[in-house]
């Protein structure tokens, strides 16, 4: 906000937030911690406002309900990715579907290296 962008640099430049010898002392840390606490209080005030306005409350409630459904979609996607990574590691990384002639090709060896283990296969997929 305005306080963070304008007032703190001004007070620092003028010397209000410095010790007598020109260095920053522990009061500066306490000052910034107080500013952070005030920011948190603004967020709490915003949450109270959401609860007061009914359409905004209904909208936020719907978003949180949709997030629970999206969580299960994410779990399903990770499980699918993990199982396909295992399959690709076994088949491509260990060379079970590759013939000896194919292994001579440098591009195929590079692809085989991408599926060396399960985490690397998940990243590649």
N, C-alpha and C. Protein backbone atom coordinates (compact mmCIF):
# COMPACT_ATOMS: atom_id res chain seq x y z
N UNK A 1 0.80 -1.17 0.00
CA UNK A 1 0.00 0.00 0.00
C UNK A 1 0.85 1.25 0.00
N UNK A 2 0.21 2.34 0.21
CA UNK A 2 0.88 3.63 0.23
C UNK A 2 1.91 3.69 1.35
N UNK A 3 1.55 3.12 2.49
CA UNK A 3 2.46 3.16 3.63
C UNK A 3 3.75 2.43 3.32
N UNK A 4 3.64 1.24 2.71
CA UNK A 4 4.84 0.46 2.40
C UNK A 4 5.69 1.10 1.31
N UNK A 5 5.03 1.67 0.32
CA UNK A 5 5.75 2.19 -0.84
C UNK A 5 6.32 3.59 -0.62
N UNK A 6 5.63 4.42 0.16
CA UNK A 6 6.03 5.82 0.28
C UNK A 6 6.55 6.18 1.67
N UNK A 7 5.83 5.78 2.69
CA UNK A 7 6.17 6.25 4.04
C UNK A 7 7.42 5.58 4.60
N UNK A 8 7.56 4.26 4.42
CA UNK A 8 8.73 3.56 4.96
C UNK A 8 10.02 4.04 4.30
N UNK A 9 10.09 4.13 2.95
CA UNK A 9 11.33 4.67 2.37
C UNK A 9 11.62 6.11 2.79
N UNK A 10 10.57 6.92 2.91
CA UNK A 10 10.77 8.30 3.35
C UNK A 10 11.31 8.34 4.76
N UNK A 11 10.73 7.56 5.67
CA UNK A 11 11.18 7.56 7.06
C UNK A 11 12.59 7.01 7.17
N UNK A 12 12.94 6.04 6.31
CA UNK A 12 14.30 5.50 6.32
C UNK A 12 15.29 6.54 5.82
N UNK A 13 14.91 7.24 4.77
CA UNK A 13 15.81 8.25 4.19
C UNK A 13 16.01 9.42 5.16
N UNK A 14 14.95 9.84 5.82
CA UNK A 14 15.05 10.96 6.76
C UNK A 14 15.81 10.56 8.01
N UNK A 15 15.76 9.27 8.35
CA UNK A 15 16.50 8.82 9.52
C UNK A 15 15.62 8.50 10.70
N UNK A 16 14.31 8.46 10.51
CA UNK A 16 13.43 8.17 11.63
C UNK A 16 13.51 6.71 12.07
N UNK A 17 13.87 5.81 11.15
CA UNK A 17 13.91 4.39 11.48
C UNK A 17 15.32 3.87 11.71
N UNK A 18 16.26 4.77 12.00
CA UNK A 18 17.64 4.38 12.23
C UNK A 18 18.05 4.71 13.65
N UNK A 19 19.05 3.99 14.10
CA UNK A 19 19.60 4.27 15.42
C UNK A 19 20.44 5.54 15.35
N UNK A 20 20.93 6.00 16.48
CA UNK A 20 21.69 7.25 16.54
C UNK A 20 23.00 7.15 15.75
N UNK A 21 23.58 5.97 15.66
CA UNK A 21 24.85 5.84 14.94
C UNK A 21 24.66 5.58 13.45
N UNK A 22 23.43 5.61 12.97
CA UNK A 22 23.15 5.47 11.54
C UNK A 22 22.88 4.06 11.08
N UNK A 23 22.94 3.09 11.98
CA UNK A 23 22.68 1.70 11.60
C UNK A 23 21.23 1.34 11.95
N UNK A 24 20.79 0.22 11.42
CA UNK A 24 19.45 -0.27 11.75
C UNK A 24 19.56 -1.15 12.99
N UNK A 25 18.74 -0.86 13.97
CA UNK A 25 18.78 -1.68 15.18
C UNK A 25 17.57 -2.61 15.22
N UNK A 26 17.33 -3.25 16.33
CA UNK A 26 16.24 -4.21 16.48
C UNK A 26 14.86 -3.59 16.35
N UNK A 27 14.74 -2.28 16.57
CA UNK A 27 13.43 -1.64 16.46
C UNK A 27 12.92 -1.67 15.03
N UNK A 28 13.84 -1.70 14.06
CA UNK A 28 13.44 -1.78 12.65
C UNK A 28 12.75 -3.11 12.37
N UNK A 29 13.28 -4.20 12.92
CA UNK A 29 12.66 -5.50 12.74
C UNK A 29 11.28 -5.54 13.38
N UNK A 30 11.15 -4.95 14.56
CA UNK A 30 9.86 -4.90 15.23
C UNK A 30 8.87 -4.07 14.42
N UNK A 31 9.37 -3.01 13.81
CA UNK A 31 8.52 -2.16 12.99
C UNK A 31 7.95 -2.94 11.81
N UNK A 32 8.82 -3.68 11.09
CA UNK A 32 8.36 -4.45 9.94
C UNK A 32 7.43 -5.59 10.37
N UNK A 33 7.66 -6.16 11.54
CA UNK A 33 6.78 -7.21 12.05
C UNK A 33 5.40 -6.64 12.36
N UNK A 34 5.35 -5.44 12.88
CA UNK A 34 4.08 -4.77 13.14
C UNK A 34 3.34 -4.49 11.84
N UNK A 35 4.06 -4.07 10.82
CA UNK A 35 3.46 -3.82 9.51
C UNK A 35 2.88 -5.12 8.94
N UNK A 36 3.60 -6.23 9.09
CA UNK A 36 3.10 -7.52 8.61
C UNK A 36 1.83 -7.93 9.36
N UNK A 37 1.79 -7.69 10.66
CA UNK A 37 0.60 -8.01 11.43
C UNK A 37 -0.59 -7.17 10.97
N UNK A 38 -0.34 -5.92 10.64
CA UNK A 38 -1.42 -5.07 10.14
C UNK A 38 -1.95 -5.56 8.80
N UNK A 39 -1.06 -6.09 7.95
CA UNK A 39 -1.50 -6.67 6.68
C UNK A 39 -2.40 -7.88 6.92
N UNK A 40 -2.03 -8.71 7.88
CA UNK A 40 -2.86 -9.87 8.20
C UNK A 40 -4.23 -9.45 8.71
N UNK A 41 -4.26 -8.39 9.48
CA UNK A 41 -5.54 -7.90 9.98
C UNK A 41 -6.41 -7.39 8.83
N UNK A 42 -5.80 -6.81 7.80
CA UNK A 42 -6.58 -6.39 6.62
C UNK A 42 -7.19 -7.59 5.91
N UNK A 43 -6.45 -8.69 5.84
CA UNK A 43 -6.98 -9.90 5.21
C UNK A 43 -8.14 -10.45 6.01
N UNK A 44 -8.04 -10.45 7.33
CA UNK A 44 -9.13 -10.92 8.18
C UNK A 44 -10.36 -10.04 8.00
N UNK A 45 -10.15 -8.74 7.87
CA UNK A 45 -11.26 -7.82 7.63
C UNK A 45 -11.93 -8.11 6.30
N UNK A 46 -11.14 -8.46 5.29
CA UNK A 46 -11.67 -8.82 3.99
C UNK A 46 -12.50 -10.10 4.07
N UNK A 47 -12.04 -11.08 4.85
CA UNK A 47 -12.81 -12.32 5.01
C UNK A 47 -14.15 -12.05 5.71
N UNK A 48 -14.15 -11.14 6.66
CA UNK A 48 -15.39 -10.78 7.31
C UNK A 48 -16.36 -10.12 6.33
N UNK A 49 -15.83 -9.32 5.42
CA UNK A 49 -16.64 -8.68 4.40
C UNK A 49 -17.27 -9.71 3.47
N UNK A 50 -16.51 -10.75 3.14
CA UNK A 50 -17.03 -11.82 2.28
C UNK A 50 -18.20 -12.52 2.97
N UNK A 51 -18.11 -12.71 4.27
CA UNK A 51 -19.18 -13.38 4.99
C UNK A 51 -20.45 -12.51 5.08
N UNK A 52 -20.29 -11.21 5.10
CA UNK A 52 -21.44 -10.31 5.22
C UNK A 52 -22.22 -10.23 3.91
N UNK A 53 -21.53 -10.15 2.79
CA UNK A 53 -22.20 -10.02 1.49
C UNK A 53 -22.58 -11.41 1.01
N UNK A 54 -23.89 -11.70 0.95
CA UNK A 54 -24.40 -13.04 0.65
C UNK A 54 -23.97 -13.59 -0.71
N UNK A 55 -24.09 -12.84 -1.81
CA UNK A 55 -23.67 -13.43 -3.09
C UNK A 55 -22.18 -13.76 -3.14
N UNK A 56 -21.38 -12.91 -2.51
CA UNK A 56 -19.95 -13.17 -2.47
C UNK A 56 -19.64 -14.38 -1.61
N UNK A 57 -20.40 -14.56 -0.53
CA UNK A 57 -20.24 -15.72 0.33
C UNK A 57 -20.63 -17.00 -0.42
N UNK A 58 -21.73 -16.95 -1.17
CA UNK A 58 -22.15 -18.12 -1.94
C UNK A 58 -21.12 -18.47 -3.01
N UNK A 59 -20.56 -17.45 -3.64
CA UNK A 59 -19.54 -17.67 -4.65
C UNK A 59 -18.28 -18.31 -4.05
N UNK A 60 -17.83 -17.79 -2.93
CA UNK A 60 -16.63 -18.34 -2.29
C UNK A 60 -16.88 -19.75 -1.78
N UNK A 61 -18.08 -20.02 -1.29
CA UNK A 61 -18.43 -21.37 -0.84
C UNK A 61 -18.41 -22.34 -2.01
N UNK A 62 -18.92 -21.92 -3.16
CA UNK A 62 -18.89 -22.75 -4.36
C UNK A 62 -17.48 -23.03 -4.84
N UNK A 63 -16.60 -22.02 -4.73
CA UNK A 63 -15.20 -22.20 -5.15
C UNK A 63 -14.52 -23.23 -4.25
N UNK A 64 -14.76 -23.16 -2.94
CA UNK A 64 -14.13 -24.12 -2.04
C UNK A 64 -14.67 -25.53 -2.25
N UNK A 65 -15.96 -25.66 -2.58
CA UNK A 65 -16.51 -26.97 -2.88
C UNK A 65 -15.93 -27.52 -4.17
N UNK A 66 -15.69 -26.66 -5.15
CA UNK A 66 -15.08 -27.11 -6.40
C UNK A 66 -13.63 -27.52 -6.18
N UNK A 67 -12.95 -26.87 -5.25
CA UNK A 67 -11.56 -27.24 -4.96
C UNK A 67 -11.46 -28.65 -4.41
N UNK A 68 -12.44 -29.09 -3.63
CA UNK A 68 -12.39 -30.46 -3.13
C UNK A 68 -12.53 -31.46 -4.27
N UNK A 69 -13.37 -31.15 -5.25
CA UNK A 69 -13.48 -32.01 -6.42
C UNK A 69 -12.21 -32.00 -7.24
N UNK A 70 -11.59 -30.84 -7.37
CA UNK A 70 -10.35 -30.72 -8.12
C UNK A 70 -9.21 -31.49 -7.44
N UNK A 71 -9.26 -31.59 -6.13
CA UNK A 71 -8.25 -32.36 -5.40
C UNK A 71 -8.29 -33.81 -5.83
N UNK A 72 -9.51 -34.38 -5.94
CA UNK A 72 -9.61 -35.78 -6.34
C UNK A 72 -9.21 -35.99 -7.79
N UNK A 73 -9.45 -35.01 -8.64
CA UNK A 73 -8.98 -35.09 -10.02
C UNK A 73 -7.45 -35.09 -10.03
N UNK A 74 -6.84 -34.26 -9.20
CA UNK A 74 -5.38 -34.23 -9.12
C UNK A 74 -4.83 -35.56 -8.63
N UNK A 75 -5.47 -36.18 -7.62
CA UNK A 75 -5.04 -37.48 -7.12
C UNK A 75 -5.12 -38.52 -8.23
N UNK A 76 -6.23 -38.52 -8.98
CA UNK A 76 -6.38 -39.46 -10.07
C UNK A 76 -5.32 -39.26 -11.15
N UNK A 77 -5.04 -38.01 -11.48
CA UNK A 77 -4.04 -37.72 -12.51
C UNK A 77 -2.64 -38.16 -12.07
N UNK A 78 -2.29 -37.95 -10.81
CA UNK A 78 -0.98 -38.37 -10.30
C UNK A 78 -0.87 -39.88 -10.33
N UNK A 79 -1.95 -40.57 -9.92
CA UNK A 79 -1.92 -42.04 -9.96
C UNK A 79 -1.78 -42.55 -11.38
N UNK A 80 -2.48 -41.93 -12.32
CA UNK A 80 -2.37 -42.33 -13.72
C UNK A 80 -0.97 -42.06 -14.25
N UNK A 81 -0.44 -40.91 -13.96
CA UNK A 81 0.91 -40.56 -14.40
C UNK A 81 1.94 -41.52 -13.82
N UNK A 82 1.77 -41.88 -12.56
CA UNK A 82 2.70 -42.80 -11.89
C UNK A 82 2.65 -44.18 -12.55
N UNK A 83 1.44 -44.67 -12.82
CA UNK A 83 1.33 -46.00 -13.42
C UNK A 83 1.89 -46.02 -14.85
N UNK A 84 1.65 -44.99 -15.63
CA UNK A 84 2.20 -44.92 -16.99
C UNK A 84 3.72 -44.76 -16.93
N UNK A 85 4.23 -44.04 -15.93
CA UNK A 85 5.68 -43.89 -15.78
C UNK A 85 6.33 -45.23 -15.46
N UNK A 86 5.68 -46.03 -14.62
CA UNK A 86 6.20 -47.37 -14.33
C UNK A 86 6.24 -48.20 -15.61
N UNK A 87 5.16 -48.16 -16.38
CA UNK A 87 5.09 -48.90 -17.62
C UNK A 87 6.18 -48.44 -18.61
N UNK A 88 6.35 -47.15 -18.76
CA UNK A 88 7.37 -46.63 -19.69
C UNK A 88 8.77 -46.95 -19.21
N UNK A 89 9.00 -46.93 -17.90
CA UNK A 89 10.32 -47.28 -17.38
C UNK A 89 10.65 -48.73 -17.67
N UNK A 90 9.66 -49.60 -17.46
CA UNK A 90 9.89 -51.03 -17.73
C UNK A 90 10.09 -51.30 -19.21
N UNK A 91 9.25 -50.70 -20.04
CA UNK A 91 9.28 -51.03 -21.46
C UNK A 91 10.37 -50.27 -22.23
N UNK A 92 10.47 -48.96 -22.02
CA UNK A 92 11.42 -48.16 -22.79
C UNK A 92 12.76 -48.04 -22.05
N UNK A 93 12.72 -47.70 -20.79
CA UNK A 93 13.94 -47.46 -20.03
C UNK A 93 14.81 -48.69 -19.88
N UNK A 94 14.18 -49.84 -19.69
CA UNK A 94 14.94 -51.08 -19.57
C UNK A 94 15.12 -51.77 -20.92
N UNK A 95 14.57 -51.20 -21.97
CA UNK A 95 14.80 -51.68 -23.33
C UNK A 95 14.05 -52.94 -23.70
N UNK A 96 12.92 -53.21 -23.07
CA UNK A 96 12.18 -54.45 -23.36
C UNK A 96 11.48 -54.42 -24.72
N UNK A 97 11.11 -53.25 -25.21
CA UNK A 97 10.43 -53.20 -26.51
C UNK A 97 11.36 -52.75 -27.62
N UNK A 98 12.62 -52.54 -27.28
CA UNK A 98 13.58 -52.06 -28.27
C UNK A 98 14.45 -53.22 -28.76
N UNK A 99 14.64 -53.30 -30.06
CA UNK A 99 15.52 -54.32 -30.61
C UNK A 99 16.97 -53.85 -30.53
N UNK A 100 17.89 -54.77 -30.80
CA UNK A 100 19.32 -54.44 -30.74
C UNK A 100 19.68 -53.41 -31.82
N UNK A 101 19.02 -53.48 -32.97
CA UNK A 101 19.30 -52.51 -34.04
C UNK A 101 18.87 -51.11 -33.64
N UNK A 102 17.76 -51.03 -32.91
CA UNK A 102 17.26 -49.71 -32.49
C UNK A 102 18.19 -49.07 -31.46
N UNK A 103 18.82 -49.89 -30.64
CA UNK A 103 19.70 -49.35 -29.59
C UNK A 103 20.96 -48.71 -30.16
N UNK A 104 21.27 -48.98 -31.41
CA UNK A 104 22.44 -48.37 -32.03
C UNK A 104 22.20 -46.92 -32.43
N UNK A 105 20.93 -46.57 -32.58
CA UNK A 105 20.57 -45.20 -32.98
C UNK A 105 20.78 -44.25 -31.79
N UNK A 106 21.53 -43.15 -31.95
CA UNK A 106 21.77 -42.24 -30.82
C UNK A 106 20.50 -41.56 -30.30
N UNK A 107 19.53 -41.31 -31.16
CA UNK A 107 18.28 -40.69 -30.70
C UNK A 107 17.50 -41.65 -29.81
N UNK A 108 17.50 -42.92 -30.16
CA UNK A 108 16.79 -43.92 -29.35
C UNK A 108 17.50 -44.07 -28.00
N UNK A 109 18.82 -44.03 -27.99
CA UNK A 109 19.54 -44.09 -26.71
C UNK A 109 19.23 -42.88 -25.84
N UNK A 110 19.05 -41.74 -26.48
CA UNK A 110 18.69 -40.52 -25.73
C UNK A 110 17.29 -40.65 -25.14
N UNK A 111 16.37 -41.21 -25.92
CA UNK A 111 15.01 -41.42 -25.42
C UNK A 111 15.02 -42.45 -24.30
N UNK A 112 15.81 -43.50 -24.44
CA UNK A 112 15.91 -44.52 -23.40
C UNK A 112 16.43 -43.91 -22.10
N UNK A 113 17.36 -42.96 -22.21
CA UNK A 113 17.91 -42.31 -21.02
C UNK A 113 16.85 -41.46 -20.31
N UNK A 114 15.87 -40.97 -21.04
CA UNK A 114 14.80 -40.17 -20.41
C UNK A 114 13.90 -41.01 -19.53
N UNK A 115 13.84 -42.31 -19.79
CA UNK A 115 12.97 -43.20 -19.03
C UNK A 115 13.78 -44.18 -18.19
N UNK A 116 14.89 -43.71 -17.64
CA UNK A 116 15.79 -44.56 -16.87
C UNK A 116 15.16 -45.02 -15.55
N UNK A 117 14.47 -44.12 -14.85
CA UNK A 117 13.81 -44.49 -13.59
C UNK A 117 12.43 -43.83 -13.54
N UNK A 118 11.64 -44.18 -12.53
CA UNK A 118 10.24 -43.74 -12.47
C UNK A 118 10.12 -42.22 -12.30
N UNK A 119 10.85 -41.58 -11.38
CA UNK A 119 10.70 -40.12 -11.27
C UNK A 119 11.07 -39.38 -12.56
N UNK A 120 12.12 -39.85 -13.21
CA UNK A 120 12.52 -39.21 -14.47
C UNK A 120 11.48 -39.46 -15.55
N UNK A 121 10.86 -40.64 -15.54
CA UNK A 121 9.80 -40.94 -16.49
C UNK A 121 8.58 -40.05 -16.25
N UNK A 122 8.25 -39.83 -14.97
CA UNK A 122 7.11 -38.95 -14.66
C UNK A 122 7.39 -37.54 -15.15
N UNK A 123 8.62 -37.09 -14.96
CA UNK A 123 8.98 -35.75 -15.42
C UNK A 123 8.92 -35.67 -16.94
N UNK A 124 9.38 -36.71 -17.62
CA UNK A 124 9.37 -36.72 -19.08
C UNK A 124 7.95 -36.74 -19.63
N UNK A 125 7.09 -37.51 -18.98
CA UNK A 125 5.70 -37.59 -19.45
C UNK A 125 5.00 -36.28 -19.20
